[in-house]
Protein backbone atom coordinates (compact mmCIF):
# COMPACT_ATOMS: atom_id res chain seq x y z
CA MET A 1 27.78 -9.45 20.76
CA ASN A 2 24.16 -8.98 19.66
CA ILE A 3 22.83 -12.51 19.14
CA VAL A 4 20.19 -12.37 16.40
CA THR A 5 19.16 -14.43 13.40
CA PRO A 6 20.12 -13.13 9.92
CA SER A 7 17.76 -10.64 8.30
CA GLY A 8 14.81 -12.46 6.72
CA PHE A 9 15.30 -15.64 8.75
CA ARG A 10 13.72 -16.71 12.03
CA ASP A 11 13.33 -19.50 14.55
CA VAL A 12 10.08 -21.48 14.52
CA LEU A 13 9.02 -22.37 18.05
CA ALA A 14 7.31 -25.58 19.11
CA GLU A 15 3.65 -24.55 18.87
CA GLU A 16 3.99 -23.08 15.39
CA ALA A 17 6.28 -25.92 14.27
CA ALA A 18 3.65 -28.46 15.33
CA CYS A 19 1.00 -26.58 13.33
CA ARG A 20 3.27 -26.45 10.29
CA GLU A 21 3.89 -30.18 10.62
CA ARG A 22 0.14 -30.95 10.73
CA ILE A 23 -0.59 -28.83 7.67
CA THR A 24 2.35 -30.23 5.74
CA ARG A 25 1.33 -33.80 6.48
CA ALA A 26 -2.30 -33.16 5.48
CA VAL A 27 -1.36 -31.47 2.21
CA GLN A 28 1.22 -34.09 1.27
CA ASP A 29 -1.27 -36.86 2.06
CA LEU A 30 -3.72 -35.16 -0.31
CA PHE A 31 -1.10 -35.00 -3.05
CA ALA A 32 -0.12 -38.64 -2.46
CA SER A 33 -3.76 -39.72 -2.74
CA GLN A 34 -3.78 -38.29 -6.27
CA GLY A 35 -0.73 -40.29 -7.32
CA TYR A 36 2.01 -37.69 -6.80
CA LEU A 37 5.38 -39.05 -5.65
CA PRO A 38 7.80 -37.18 -3.38
CA VAL A 39 11.00 -35.64 -4.77
CA GLU A 40 13.74 -33.51 -3.27
CA THR A 41 15.93 -31.08 -5.16
CA PRO A 42 19.29 -29.57 -4.21
CA THR A 43 19.49 -26.40 -2.17
CA LEU A 44 22.06 -24.99 -4.61
CA GLU A 45 21.77 -24.72 -8.37
CA VAL A 46 24.09 -23.35 -11.04
CA LEU A 47 22.62 -19.91 -11.66
CA GLY A 48 22.96 -20.16 -15.43
CA VAL A 49 20.94 -23.38 -15.44
CA MET A 50 18.12 -21.70 -13.50
CA GLU A 51 18.17 -18.65 -15.77
CA ALA A 52 17.88 -20.89 -18.85
CA GLY A 53 14.27 -21.46 -17.80
CA GLY A 54 13.39 -17.77 -18.22
CA ARG A 55 12.22 -15.23 -15.65
CA ILE A 56 13.04 -16.44 -12.13
CA PRO A 57 12.45 -14.90 -8.70
CA SER A 58 15.31 -12.85 -7.33
CA ALA A 59 17.81 -15.10 -5.51
CA PRO A 60 19.37 -13.30 -2.51
CA PHE A 61 22.35 -15.64 -2.13
CA LYS A 62 24.81 -16.16 -4.97
CA PHE A 63 28.41 -17.27 -4.67
CA PHE A 64 31.20 -19.07 -6.49
CA ASP A 65 32.20 -22.57 -5.44
CA SER A 66 35.73 -23.97 -5.55
CA ARG A 67 35.24 -24.96 -9.20
CA GLY A 68 34.39 -21.41 -10.19
CA ASP A 69 30.69 -22.10 -10.85
CA LEU A 70 28.28 -19.29 -9.93
CA LEU A 71 25.66 -20.89 -7.67
CA ALA A 72 22.39 -19.69 -6.20
CA MET A 73 20.29 -20.98 -3.33
CA ARG A 74 17.12 -22.15 -5.02
CA PRO A 75 14.45 -19.43 -5.34
CA ASP A 76 11.92 -21.86 -6.85
CA VAL A 77 11.38 -25.62 -7.07
CA THR A 78 9.38 -25.81 -10.31
CA LEU A 79 12.43 -24.97 -12.41
CA GLN A 80 14.38 -27.71 -10.69
CA VAL A 81 11.70 -30.32 -11.29
CA ALA A 82 11.58 -29.28 -14.95
CA ARG A 83 15.35 -29.71 -15.16
CA MET A 84 15.08 -33.13 -13.53
CA GLY A 85 12.34 -34.26 -15.92
CA ALA A 86 14.27 -33.06 -18.99
CA THR A 87 17.59 -34.66 -18.01
CA ARG A 88 17.67 -37.56 -15.58
CA LEU A 89 14.16 -38.72 -16.49
CA ALA A 90 14.24 -37.88 -20.20
CA SER A 91 13.80 -41.53 -21.20
CA ASP A 92 10.88 -42.14 -18.84
CA PRO A 93 7.68 -42.06 -20.94
CA GLY A 94 5.66 -40.63 -18.05
CA PRO A 95 3.43 -39.09 -17.11
CA LEU A 96 5.54 -38.02 -14.13
CA ARG A 97 3.71 -36.72 -11.06
CA PHE A 98 5.83 -35.17 -8.34
CA ARG A 99 5.11 -33.45 -5.04
CA TYR A 100 7.43 -31.56 -2.72
CA THR A 101 7.77 -29.45 0.41
CA GLN A 102 11.05 -27.56 0.37
CA ARG A 103 12.61 -24.32 1.55
CA VAL A 104 13.25 -21.63 -1.06
CA PHE A 105 15.25 -18.44 -0.71
CA ARG A 106 14.01 -15.20 -2.22
CA GLU A 107 14.75 -11.51 -2.08
CA ALA A 108 11.93 -9.02 -1.56
CA GLU A 109 10.56 -7.85 -4.91
CA SER A 110 10.21 -4.25 -3.68
CA ASP A 111 11.57 -1.90 -1.07
CA ALA A 112 8.26 -1.75 0.81
CA ARG A 113 9.58 -4.05 3.51
CA GLU A 114 12.35 -6.41 4.45
CA GLY A 115 10.34 -9.61 4.42
CA ALA A 116 11.14 -13.26 4.88
CA ARG A 117 13.91 -14.52 2.66
CA GLU A 118 13.36 -18.17 3.56
CA LEU A 119 9.96 -19.67 2.75
CA THR A 120 8.46 -23.15 2.59
CA GLN A 121 7.20 -23.93 -0.89
CA MET A 122 4.65 -26.73 -1.33
CA GLY A 123 3.43 -27.90 -4.70
CA VAL A 124 3.02 -30.48 -7.43
CA GLU A 125 4.30 -30.79 -10.98
CA CYS A 126 2.79 -33.06 -13.64
CA LEU A 127 5.05 -33.77 -16.63
CA GLY A 128 3.83 -35.57 -19.73
CA GLU A 129 0.08 -34.79 -19.65
CA GLN A 130 -1.85 -32.07 -21.40
CA GLY A 131 -5.37 -31.07 -22.32
CA PRO A 132 -8.34 -29.51 -20.49
CA GLN A 133 -8.85 -32.52 -18.20
CA ALA A 134 -5.26 -32.37 -16.94
CA ASP A 135 -5.43 -28.59 -16.40
CA ALA A 136 -8.78 -28.79 -14.57
CA GLU A 137 -7.38 -31.47 -12.27
CA ILE A 138 -4.35 -29.29 -11.43
CA ILE A 139 -6.51 -26.24 -10.66
CA GLY A 140 -8.95 -28.34 -8.62
CA LEU A 141 -6.11 -29.90 -6.65
CA PHE A 142 -4.71 -26.42 -5.93
CA ALA A 143 -8.05 -25.30 -4.50
CA GLU A 144 -8.37 -28.48 -2.43
CA ALA A 145 -4.81 -28.13 -1.09
CA LEU A 146 -5.43 -24.58 0.11
CA ALA A 147 -8.64 -25.69 1.82
CA VAL A 148 -6.80 -28.57 3.52
CA ALA A 149 -4.16 -26.06 4.65
CA GLY A 150 -6.89 -24.12 6.47
CA VAL A 151 -7.56 -21.29 3.99
CA GLU A 152 -11.32 -20.80 3.98
CA GLU A 153 -11.73 -17.69 1.82
CA PHE A 154 -9.82 -17.30 -1.42
CA SER A 155 -10.33 -16.70 -5.11
CA LEU A 156 -8.54 -18.35 -8.02
CA ALA A 157 -7.84 -15.82 -10.77
CA VAL A 158 -7.57 -17.93 -13.94
CA ALA A 159 -6.62 -16.99 -17.49
CA THR A 160 -4.77 -18.30 -20.52
CA VAL A 161 -1.79 -16.57 -22.09
CA ALA A 162 -2.52 -18.01 -25.55
CA PRO A 163 -4.71 -15.14 -26.91
CA LEU A 164 -2.19 -12.50 -25.87
CA ARG A 165 0.67 -14.45 -27.43
CA ALA A 166 -1.31 -14.70 -30.67
CA LEU A 167 -2.14 -10.97 -30.66
CA LEU A 168 1.51 -10.06 -30.15
CA ASP A 169 2.76 -12.51 -32.76
CA ARG A 170 0.38 -11.19 -35.43
CA SER A 171 0.45 -7.49 -34.54
CA GLY A 172 3.50 -6.75 -36.66
CA ALA A 173 5.06 -5.04 -33.65
CA PRO A 174 8.82 -4.76 -33.20
CA GLU A 175 10.37 -6.85 -30.45
CA ALA A 176 11.00 -3.86 -28.15
CA TRP A 177 7.31 -2.88 -28.16
CA ARG A 178 6.22 -6.46 -27.53
CA ALA A 179 8.65 -6.75 -24.64
CA ALA A 180 7.31 -3.51 -23.14
CA VAL A 181 3.73 -4.83 -23.40
CA LEU A 182 4.69 -8.07 -21.68
CA GLU A 183 6.40 -6.13 -18.92
CA ALA A 184 3.28 -3.99 -18.42
CA TYR A 185 1.18 -7.16 -18.16
CA HIS A 186 3.69 -8.70 -15.77
CA ALA A 187 3.57 -5.60 -13.55
CA SER A 188 -0.25 -5.28 -13.83
CA ASN A 189 0.34 -1.71 -15.03
CA PHE A 190 -2.83 -0.67 -16.85
CA VAL A 191 -1.62 2.91 -17.23
CA GLU A 192 1.55 1.89 -19.05
CA LEU A 193 -0.42 -0.54 -21.19
CA ASP A 194 -2.78 2.28 -22.18
CA ARG A 195 0.22 4.45 -23.12
CA LEU A 196 1.77 1.72 -25.24
CA THR A 197 -1.46 1.03 -27.14
CA ALA A 198 -2.86 4.58 -27.49
CA LEU A 199 -2.76 6.05 -30.99
CA ASP A 200 -0.62 9.14 -31.52
CA ALA A 201 -1.32 11.93 -34.02
CA ALA A 202 0.00 9.74 -36.84
CA GLY A 203 -2.25 6.82 -35.84
CA LEU A 204 0.62 4.74 -34.46
CA PRO A 205 0.08 2.76 -31.22
CA GLY A 206 2.49 4.15 -28.64
CA GLY A 207 4.11 6.12 -31.46
CA VAL A 208 5.68 2.90 -32.78
CA ALA A 209 5.62 2.13 -36.50
CA GLY A 210 4.60 -1.35 -37.62
CA VAL A 211 2.00 -2.07 -34.91
CA ALA A 212 -1.46 -2.79 -36.29
CA PRO A 213 -3.92 -0.56 -34.38
CA ALA A 214 -6.65 -3.22 -34.18
CA TYR A 215 -4.26 -5.62 -32.43
CA ALA A 216 -3.05 -2.88 -30.10
CA ALA A 217 -6.65 -2.11 -29.09
CA ALA A 218 -7.32 -5.79 -28.33
CA ILE A 219 -4.11 -6.03 -26.30
CA ARG A 220 -5.29 -3.01 -24.29
CA ASP A 221 -8.79 -4.36 -23.66
CA LEU A 222 -7.97 -8.01 -22.92
CA PRO A 223 -6.73 -7.55 -19.30
CA ARG A 224 -9.90 -5.65 -18.43
CA ILE A 225 -12.06 -8.72 -19.05
CA ARG A 226 -13.14 -10.35 -15.77
CA GLY A 227 -16.02 -12.45 -14.51
CA GLY A 228 -17.35 -15.97 -14.90
CA ARG A 229 -17.89 -18.09 -17.97
CA GLU A 230 -19.23 -15.04 -19.82
CA ALA A 231 -15.75 -13.47 -19.57
CA ILE A 232 -14.38 -16.24 -21.80
CA GLU A 233 -17.01 -15.37 -24.40
CA ALA A 234 -16.05 -11.70 -24.11
CA ALA A 235 -12.41 -12.60 -24.76
CA ARG A 236 -13.49 -14.66 -27.77
CA ALA A 237 -15.54 -11.77 -29.17
CA LEU A 238 -12.50 -9.50 -28.78
CA THR A 239 -9.89 -11.80 -30.32
CA ALA A 240 -11.69 -14.07 -32.81
CA PRO A 241 -12.20 -11.34 -35.47
CA LEU A 242 -8.41 -10.97 -35.50
CA GLY A 243 -7.83 -14.70 -35.70
CA CYS A 244 -6.31 -14.76 -32.20
CA ALA A 245 -8.76 -16.79 -30.10
CA GLU A 246 -6.14 -19.46 -29.41
CA GLY A 247 -6.63 -21.47 -26.26
CA LEU A 248 -10.13 -20.20 -25.51
CA ASP A 249 -11.93 -23.42 -26.51
CA ASP A 250 -9.74 -25.38 -24.10
CA PHE A 251 -10.17 -22.67 -21.47
CA GLU A 252 -13.95 -22.97 -21.77
CA ARG A 253 -13.76 -26.75 -21.32
CA ILE A 254 -11.53 -26.31 -18.28
CA TYR A 255 -14.06 -23.93 -16.75
CA ASP A 256 -16.93 -26.33 -17.43
CA LEU A 257 -15.01 -29.21 -15.83
CA LEU A 258 -14.39 -27.08 -12.75
CA ALA A 259 -18.07 -26.10 -12.65
CA ALA A 260 -19.10 -29.75 -12.82
CA SER A 261 -16.98 -30.44 -9.73
CA ASP A 262 -18.36 -27.36 -7.88
CA ARG A 263 -14.92 -25.71 -7.92
CA ALA A 264 -15.83 -22.90 -10.33
CA ARG A 265 -17.43 -20.96 -7.47
CA ARG A 266 -13.92 -19.95 -6.41
CA VAL A 267 -12.78 -19.17 -9.96
CA LEU A 268 -12.54 -15.63 -11.31
CA VAL A 269 -11.75 -15.47 -15.02
CA ASP A 270 -9.28 -12.58 -15.08
CA PHE A 271 -7.10 -11.88 -18.10
CA SER A 272 -4.97 -9.46 -16.11
CA ALA A 273 -3.63 -12.35 -14.01
CA MET A 274 -0.90 -13.17 -16.51
CA SER A 275 2.81 -12.94 -15.81
CA SER A 276 6.14 -14.60 -16.55
CA PHE A 277 5.39 -15.05 -20.23
CA ASP A 278 8.71 -16.72 -20.89
CA TYR A 279 7.56 -19.39 -18.40
CA TYR A 280 3.85 -20.20 -18.89
CA THR A 281 2.40 -21.25 -22.24
CA GLY A 282 -1.29 -21.88 -21.60
CA ILE A 283 -3.51 -21.77 -18.54
CA VAL A 284 -2.27 -19.58 -15.66
CA PHE A 285 -3.81 -19.09 -12.23
CA ALA A 286 -3.12 -17.44 -8.90
CA ALA A 287 -4.80 -17.70 -5.50
CA TYR A 288 -5.77 -14.55 -3.61
CA SER A 289 -7.08 -14.26 -0.08
CA PRO A 290 -9.05 -11.17 0.99
CA LEU A 291 -7.18 -11.43 4.30
CA LEU A 292 -3.71 -10.98 2.81
CA GLY A 293 -1.89 -8.36 0.79
CA THR A 294 0.14 -10.82 -1.29
CA PRO A 295 -0.86 -13.88 -3.38
CA LEU A 296 -1.05 -17.30 -1.74
CA GLY A 297 0.47 -19.09 -4.72
CA THR A 298 0.49 -19.47 -8.48
CA GLY A 299 0.47 -22.14 -11.15
CA GLY A 300 -0.09 -22.90 -14.79
CA ARG A 301 0.97 -24.79 -17.90
CA TYR A 302 4.60 -24.48 -18.97
CA ASP A 303 5.01 -26.86 -21.92
CA ARG A 304 8.24 -25.29 -23.20
CA LEU A 305 10.12 -25.01 -19.93
CA THR A 306 11.55 -28.52 -19.90
CA GLY A 307 12.86 -27.93 -23.41
CA ALA A 308 15.18 -25.26 -22.03
CA PHE A 309 16.97 -28.05 -20.14
CA GLY A 310 16.78 -30.87 -22.67
CA CYS A 311 13.85 -33.14 -23.51
CA GLU A 312 10.69 -31.05 -24.10
CA ARG A 313 7.44 -32.45 -22.68
CA PRO A 314 4.09 -30.91 -21.67
CA ALA A 315 3.94 -29.87 -18.03
CA ALA A 316 1.75 -28.08 -15.51
CA GLY A 317 1.79 -27.50 -11.78
CA PHE A 318 1.36 -25.09 -8.91
CA ALA A 319 3.07 -23.99 -5.73
CA PHE A 320 2.15 -22.02 -2.63
CA PHE A 321 3.91 -20.93 0.51
CA LEU A 322 3.06 -22.64 3.78
CA GLU A 323 3.61 -19.38 5.65
CA GLN A 324 1.10 -17.55 3.44
CA ALA A 325 -1.51 -20.27 3.89
CA MET A 326 -1.14 -20.07 7.67
CA ALA A 327 -1.40 -16.29 7.59
CA ALA A 328 -4.64 -16.54 5.58
CA ALA A 329 -6.33 -18.83 8.10
CA PRO A 330 -9.31 -17.16 9.85
CA ALA A 331 -7.72 -17.67 13.28
CA ALA A 332 -4.95 -15.26 12.27
CA HIS A 333 -7.49 -12.48 11.57
CA PRO A 334 -9.81 -11.56 14.45
CA ALA A 335 -10.89 -8.39 12.61
CA PRO A 336 -13.97 -8.37 10.31
CA ALA A 337 -13.63 -9.96 6.89
CA PRO A 338 -12.90 -7.49 4.05
CA SER A 339 -16.42 -7.92 2.64
CA GLU A 340 -17.80 -6.67 5.96
CA ARG A 341 -15.55 -3.65 6.40
CA PRO A 342 -15.21 -0.29 4.63
CA LEU A 343 -12.93 0.14 1.65
CA ARG A 344 -9.56 1.47 2.84
CA VAL A 345 -8.11 4.25 0.67
CA ALA A 346 -4.67 5.80 1.18
CA VAL A 347 -5.01 9.55 0.56
CA PRO A 348 -1.87 11.69 0.08
CA LYS A 349 -1.04 14.75 2.11
CA GLY A 350 0.51 17.83 0.54
CA ALA A 351 0.20 19.12 -2.99
CA LEU A 352 -1.88 16.20 -4.26
CA ASN A 353 -4.39 16.31 -1.39
CA ALA A 354 -7.00 18.77 -2.68
CA ASP A 355 -7.21 17.26 -6.17
CA ALA A 356 -7.30 13.74 -4.71
CA ILE A 357 -10.26 14.69 -2.50
CA ASP A 358 -12.06 16.29 -5.46
CA ALA A 359 -11.52 13.16 -7.55
CA LEU A 360 -12.78 10.84 -4.82
CA ALA A 361 -15.86 13.01 -4.32
CA ALA A 362 -16.53 13.04 -8.07
CA ALA A 363 -16.25 9.23 -8.01
CA GLY A 364 -19.15 9.12 -5.55
CA LEU A 365 -17.36 8.58 -2.23
CA ASP A 366 -18.28 10.42 0.95
CA VAL A 367 -15.32 12.73 1.67
CA THR A 368 -16.82 14.47 4.71
CA GLY A 369 -14.08 15.67 7.05
CA LEU A 370 -11.25 14.68 4.72
CA ALA A 371 -10.31 18.23 3.71
CA ASP A 372 -9.85 19.28 7.35
CA PRO A 373 -8.91 16.17 9.37
CA GLY A 374 -7.11 18.04 12.15
CA ARG A 375 -4.77 15.59 13.85
CA SER A 376 -6.77 12.54 12.78
CA LEU A 377 -4.87 10.14 10.56
CA VAL A 378 -7.90 7.98 9.71
CA ILE A 379 -11.24 9.45 8.61
CA SER A 380 -14.13 6.97 8.66
CA ASN A 381 -17.20 7.62 6.54
CA PRO A 382 -19.99 5.25 5.45
CA GLY A 383 -18.41 2.52 3.35
CA VAL A 384 -14.89 3.97 3.30
CA ASP A 385 -11.93 4.59 5.60
CA TYR A 386 -9.39 7.19 4.47
CA ILE A 387 -5.82 6.62 5.65
CA ILE A 388 -3.96 9.92 5.42
CA VAL A 389 -0.31 9.37 4.50
CA ARG A 390 2.70 11.01 2.91
CA PRO A 391 2.63 10.38 -0.85
CA SER A 392 5.93 8.51 -0.62
CA ASP A 393 4.42 6.17 2.00
CA ALA A 394 1.22 5.37 0.10
CA PRO A 395 2.83 2.56 -1.97
CA ALA A 396 3.97 0.73 1.18
CA PHE A 397 0.54 0.97 2.85
CA VAL A 398 -1.15 -0.46 -0.26
CA ALA A 399 1.47 -3.06 -1.18
CA LEU A 400 1.44 -4.54 2.32
CA GLY A 401 -2.36 -4.57 2.62
CA ALA A 402 -2.83 -1.82 5.24
CA ALA A 403 -4.87 -0.03 2.57
CA ASP A 404 -6.78 -1.59 -0.30
CA CYS A 405 -5.99 1.16 -2.78
CA GLY A 406 -4.52 4.63 -2.87
CA ILE A 407 -3.37 7.73 -4.71
CA CYS A 408 0.15 9.08 -5.12
CA GLY A 409 2.44 10.44 -7.81
CA LYS A 410 4.00 8.17 -10.40
CA ASP A 411 7.36 9.26 -8.96
CA SER A 412 6.52 7.64 -5.61
CA LEU A 413 5.63 4.38 -7.36
CA LEU A 414 8.85 4.42 -9.36
CA GLU A 415 10.94 5.12 -6.29
CA ALA A 416 9.29 2.43 -4.13
CA THR A 417 8.74 -0.24 -6.87
CA PRO A 418 5.86 -1.82 -4.88
CA ASP A 419 3.87 -4.86 -5.93
CA VAL A 420 0.65 -3.04 -6.83
CA VAL A 421 -1.80 -2.81 -9.73
CA GLU A 422 -1.56 0.59 -11.40
CA LEU A 423 -5.11 1.32 -12.55
CA ALA A 424 -5.59 4.93 -13.64
CA ASP A 425 -3.68 8.08 -14.52
CA LEU A 426 -5.59 10.80 -12.65
CA ARG A 427 -3.86 13.54 -14.70
CA PHE A 428 -3.39 16.03 -11.87
CA GLY A 429 -0.28 16.91 -9.89
CA GLU A 430 1.90 16.99 -13.00
CA CYS A 431 5.55 17.78 -12.45
CA ARG A 432 8.88 17.17 -14.13
CA PHE A 433 11.95 15.35 -12.93
CA VAL A 434 15.00 17.18 -14.25
CA VAL A 435 18.77 17.20 -14.03
CA ALA A 436 20.10 20.65 -13.11
CA GLU A 437 23.54 22.18 -12.60
CA PRO A 438 24.88 25.69 -11.87
CA VAL A 439 24.56 28.10 -14.79
CA GLY A 440 27.78 28.05 -16.78
CA ALA A 441 29.12 24.89 -15.11
CA ALA A 442 28.88 22.62 -18.15
CA ASP A 443 32.58 22.73 -18.99
CA ALA A 444 33.62 22.08 -15.37
CA VAL A 445 31.23 19.13 -15.09
CA ALA A 446 32.47 17.68 -18.38
CA ASP A 447 36.09 18.12 -17.27
CA ARG A 448 35.45 16.28 -14.00
CA TYR A 449 33.84 13.43 -15.92
CA ARG A 450 36.84 13.19 -18.25
CA ARG A 451 39.30 13.16 -15.32
CA LEU A 452 37.47 10.95 -12.82
CA GLY A 453 35.02 8.96 -14.94
CA SER A 454 31.99 9.98 -12.88
CA ILE A 455 30.07 12.95 -11.52
CA ARG A 456 28.29 13.42 -8.21
CA VAL A 457 24.51 13.84 -8.28
CA ALA A 458 22.44 14.83 -5.24
CA THR A 459 18.78 13.76 -5.03
CA LYS A 460 15.89 12.65 -2.86
CA TYR A 461 15.10 10.02 -5.48
CA PRO A 462 18.05 7.61 -5.76
CA ARG A 463 16.20 4.86 -7.64
CA ILE A 464 14.85 7.19 -10.33
CA THR A 465 18.25 8.88 -10.61
CA ARG A 466 20.10 5.58 -10.88
CA ALA A 467 17.70 4.32 -13.57
CA HIS A 468 18.06 7.52 -15.59
CA TYR A 469 21.86 7.48 -15.61
CA ALA A 470 21.98 3.74 -16.24
CA GLU A 471 19.96 4.39 -19.37
CA THR A 472 22.18 7.27 -20.50
CA GLY A 473 25.36 5.33 -19.76
CA VAL A 474 26.88 8.00 -17.51
CA GLN A 475 28.69 6.87 -14.36
CA VAL A 476 27.49 8.76 -11.27
CA GLU A 477 27.99 8.85 -7.52
CA ILE A 478 24.60 9.43 -5.91
CA VAL A 479 24.37 11.61 -2.81
CA TYR A 480 21.09 10.91 -1.03
CA LEU A 481 19.57 13.98 0.66
CA HIS A 482 16.18 14.51 2.31
CA GLY A 483 15.66 18.16 1.37
CA ASN A 484 17.15 21.42 0.08
CA ILE A 485 18.69 19.59 -2.86
CA GLU A 486 19.64 22.92 -4.48
CA LEU A 487 22.29 23.42 -1.79
CA ALA A 488 24.40 20.51 -3.07
CA PRO A 489 25.93 22.20 -6.14
CA LEU A 490 26.08 25.57 -4.36
CA THR A 491 28.31 24.11 -1.62
CA GLY A 492 30.35 21.73 -3.78
CA LEU A 493 28.67 18.62 -2.38
CA ALA A 494 27.66 17.55 -5.91
CA GLU A 495 27.97 18.77 -9.47
CA ARG A 496 24.37 18.14 -10.39
CA ILE A 497 20.97 17.44 -8.84
CA VAL A 498 17.94 15.39 -9.87
CA ASP A 499 14.76 16.91 -8.46
CA ILE A 500 11.13 17.73 -9.14
CA THR A 501 10.15 21.06 -10.63
CA ALA A 502 6.85 22.54 -11.71
CA THR A 503 7.80 26.07 -12.82
CA GLY A 504 11.60 26.13 -12.46
CA THR A 505 11.42 29.18 -10.19
CA THR A 506 13.41 27.65 -7.31
CA LEU A 507 16.11 26.50 -9.71
CA ARG A 508 16.45 29.95 -11.27
CA GLU A 509 16.54 31.64 -7.87
CA ASN A 510 19.52 29.43 -6.98
CA ASN A 511 21.32 30.05 -10.30
CA LEU A 512 20.64 26.49 -11.54
CA GLU A 513 19.60 25.49 -15.04
CA VAL A 514 17.96 22.37 -16.42
CA VAL A 515 20.33 20.28 -18.55
CA GLU A 516 18.31 17.05 -18.95
CA GLU A 517 14.70 15.93 -18.73
CA VAL A 518 14.24 12.70 -16.75
CA LEU A 519 10.49 12.04 -16.72
CA GLN A 520 7.09 13.56 -16.10
CA SER A 521 4.91 12.45 -13.21
CA THR A 522 1.18 12.66 -12.55
CA ALA A 523 -1.03 11.24 -9.81
CA ARG A 524 -2.00 7.57 -10.14
CA PHE A 525 -4.72 5.41 -8.61
CA PHE A 526 -3.40 1.98 -7.70
CA ALA A 527 -4.47 -1.06 -5.68
CA ASN A 528 -3.19 -4.02 -3.77
CA PRO A 529 -3.19 -7.00 -6.19
CA CYS A 530 -5.16 -9.21 -3.80
CA ALA A 531 -7.71 -6.53 -2.98
CA PHE A 532 -8.09 -5.77 -6.70
CA ARG A 533 -9.00 -9.39 -7.41
CA THR A 534 -11.23 -9.98 -4.39
CA ASP A 535 -13.09 -6.66 -4.01
CA ASP A 536 -15.25 -5.41 -6.89
CA ARG A 537 -15.47 -1.96 -5.29
CA ILE A 538 -11.93 -1.20 -6.45
CA THR A 539 -12.68 -1.85 -10.12
CA ALA A 540 -15.75 0.39 -9.92
CA LEU A 541 -13.78 3.15 -8.18
CA ALA A 542 -10.97 2.93 -10.74
CA GLN A 543 -13.44 3.39 -13.59
CA ALA A 544 -15.14 6.32 -11.86
CA LEU A 545 -11.80 8.02 -11.21
CA ALA A 546 -10.66 7.46 -14.80
CA ASP A 547 -13.93 8.94 -16.09
CA HIS A 548 -13.46 11.99 -13.84
CA ALA A 549 -9.88 12.44 -15.05
CA ALA A 550 -11.05 12.33 -18.67
CA ARG A 551 -13.65 15.02 -17.99
CA ALA A 552 -11.46 17.29 -15.86
CA SER A 553 -9.14 19.89 -17.32
CA TYR A 554 -5.76 20.10 -15.59
CA GLU A 555 -3.26 22.65 -16.79
CA PRO A 556 0.00 21.00 -17.98
CA ILE A 557 3.24 22.39 -16.65
CA ALA A 558 5.51 24.40 -18.91
CA GLY A 559 7.61 22.22 -21.20
CA SER A 560 5.92 19.02 -20.14
CA SER A 561 5.14 16.02 -22.31
CA GLN A 562 3.31 12.78 -21.76
CA PRO A 563 4.34 10.82 -18.65
CA GLY A 564 6.58 7.85 -19.17
CA GLY A 565 7.75 8.89 -22.63
CA PRO A 566 10.47 7.09 -24.54
CA GLY A 567 13.71 6.85 -22.61
CA SER A 568 12.15 7.39 -19.20
CA PRO A 569 12.62 4.92 -16.33
CA GLY A 570 8.83 4.54 -16.29
CA ARG A 571 8.92 2.24 -19.31
């Protein structure tokens, strides 16, 4: 028998356990000194109760108990504290200040790695107080807690969701368009946001009737506003003419209160740092370390959350993971700090390579040696290190922080679903994803579907294929292959294939015909979310690449349309 711990779980040995104990005690002492009382919540919750609070992290462990209730091991403590405050403590006038250190259980948000599924969440929740003073105290306590935990370098990306909510509410947009915009914000997908807000030939944003163009333009520009106090004024100038400057006066007061306490030096006003809109209602913030590839923690105001469980009361709080704080400590990183090292760019091999090099050169980077690297996998030039990877691997390198930013096709991003910020459509490397079957096989395929209720589809892209057929409502059995997909229908392995094509020549040579369009893909520039919010070089590079793409003329493939069109899994 192979004696191992379950995937995503591990033993903590004495030295590390002692360090964890010291940090936990110091942080909890800090919280206690500010009047926060300890609470403990159950490891298991009824899943429906958790989901009543809105978007929740993916819970890896769900099961039925003997009563038939569907339970989940808690993926988050904030929702539980909100439930507690709205039910058992509904009659307590408050304010209620709670602190906790508890294990949570989460599934990885992407396929980039099999990470820890058990984490230690530390945080505070304040129920019954509102206003700029309360929000500033929460943000300041978050910064102080991270410092006490040993994190020396970090930025707090701070925003308010109120202006975006106002823009959406008054835009006249249908619910589906608004939901798509919120999802683009949640995923930090600037390219999709641009597509949704761009005017078509009829002057309709995203081709959707009923959306006021002025509101769509403001929704597009808002997440690009970053900086200090001046960024709040920029957001006001953008939204006030439309009557949508909600929350900005309070936001300004919060910033000034932080500045008065010398905490604003860590604050980056960043209106792209907004997510979980069915959760937060006002101020939102997230902590990013330049030493890590994933956020340290998040927080914000969630005044409506308790109402989902019963008694509604204003609330705000934050949480971070002990493991992330320890990983961000300087002792865990003997290498130079990010500000002292070159920018790391993942560059794709293969068909995208030449155009990617041209784009990087046009953006002002030194690409010496990149076109002919020989056997070298890393090319180092002044100010930049190029990491040469397969396009399908670029998302993993960037998502996990081995590279700060990178280039690959939209198809690779869709297939990997990494936690990255999609910044620019580079407009080269266009290709189509199609469904193909043998010429004249339509009746046989339809007959199999009638008899068996499914068809077999061979592909190198199971996630994209699954998403496409889920949207069309057709039941399929996916056969995952690594190459020579055209062989599958020729040998009877599958009735259809989903593959990339540029000209259709290979399909025709193998007596295959296109029966469905899945999506179009072009090259994208994307970044690690932490690097994006702690390294200004990435924003500058994204703009330079976007400008180059706008100037360049790339020939579209035959029969192509705009990437991520209606009905595609890219939405």
